[in-house]
Amino acid sequence: MDIAKWNKTSRNAYVGTLLYSLLGLLATILAVILAVVLAASLFGKLEAGGVIVLILFIITELAVLFGYLIFFVAIKNFKNITEGEDKSAFNLLWIAVICTLVSTVLGFFVLSSVCSVLVKLLGIASAVLMIIGFAKLKSSATMAAFSAPAVAGFRQLFTAQILAIVAVVLGWIPFVGGIFSGILSILVFIFTILGWKKVATPVGDQSEAPKPFFENIKEVVVDSCKDGVASIQGMGK
């Protein structure tokens, strides 16, 4: 396996995860504030502050979607640099990310009950596919020989997806289900970030000093845009 390509792709996957996770948390907070503002506006006009919150919410949601796109491109690149069972596992993760992207877009139509059901179903499908994919990767002999930290990360990501499924099921329990589901969702959030951070541990001789965080993000965004354009051009041929 090409070490340089692996290091670049795993870094991109980690940065994409950070973007959609942290910005997703911000979007949730803004959604609560927006709900309060909209409720207050029922008794009068929507104030300038409410408009600002609405704009910030839309921008943040779009940024979350962009984070998913970066992650999507990284998983697609994982498919291209791996072989055999590892390639098959990343293919499952790729399909899972497609489900997540579609559910994220449908999430914009929160007032539609049909979209709400589809979002939940796609979320479950994505989690199941990721469980199978991460199960293969954490047990992969070739992956263990290539990068022990990556295997440890895949184990953590496997656990995170199991907890995600349990959180959804607990959420259906009246009254207390939401509390337990919320606690597990926090654990999923933490395990997912830490898991991809381990996967992104550089392989080989890394004598070069690590780049600043925001410089890394800038480089990842540029790389992902180039890879995305190249993929679209390849589909057109």
Foldseek 3Di string as FASTA:
>chain_A
DDQVLQLLLLLLLLLLLCFLLVLVVVLVVLVVVLVVQVVVCVVHHRDPVSVVSVVSNVVSLVSNLLSLLSNLLSLVSQLVVDDDLLNVLSVLLNVLSVLQSVLSVLVVVVVDPVSVVSSLVSNLSSLVSLLVSLVSQLPDPVNCVQAVLLSVLSVLLNVLSVLQNVLSVLCVDPDCSPVSSVVSPVSSSVSNSVSSVSSSPRTDDDPDDDDDPVVSSVVSSVVSVVSVVVVVVVVVD
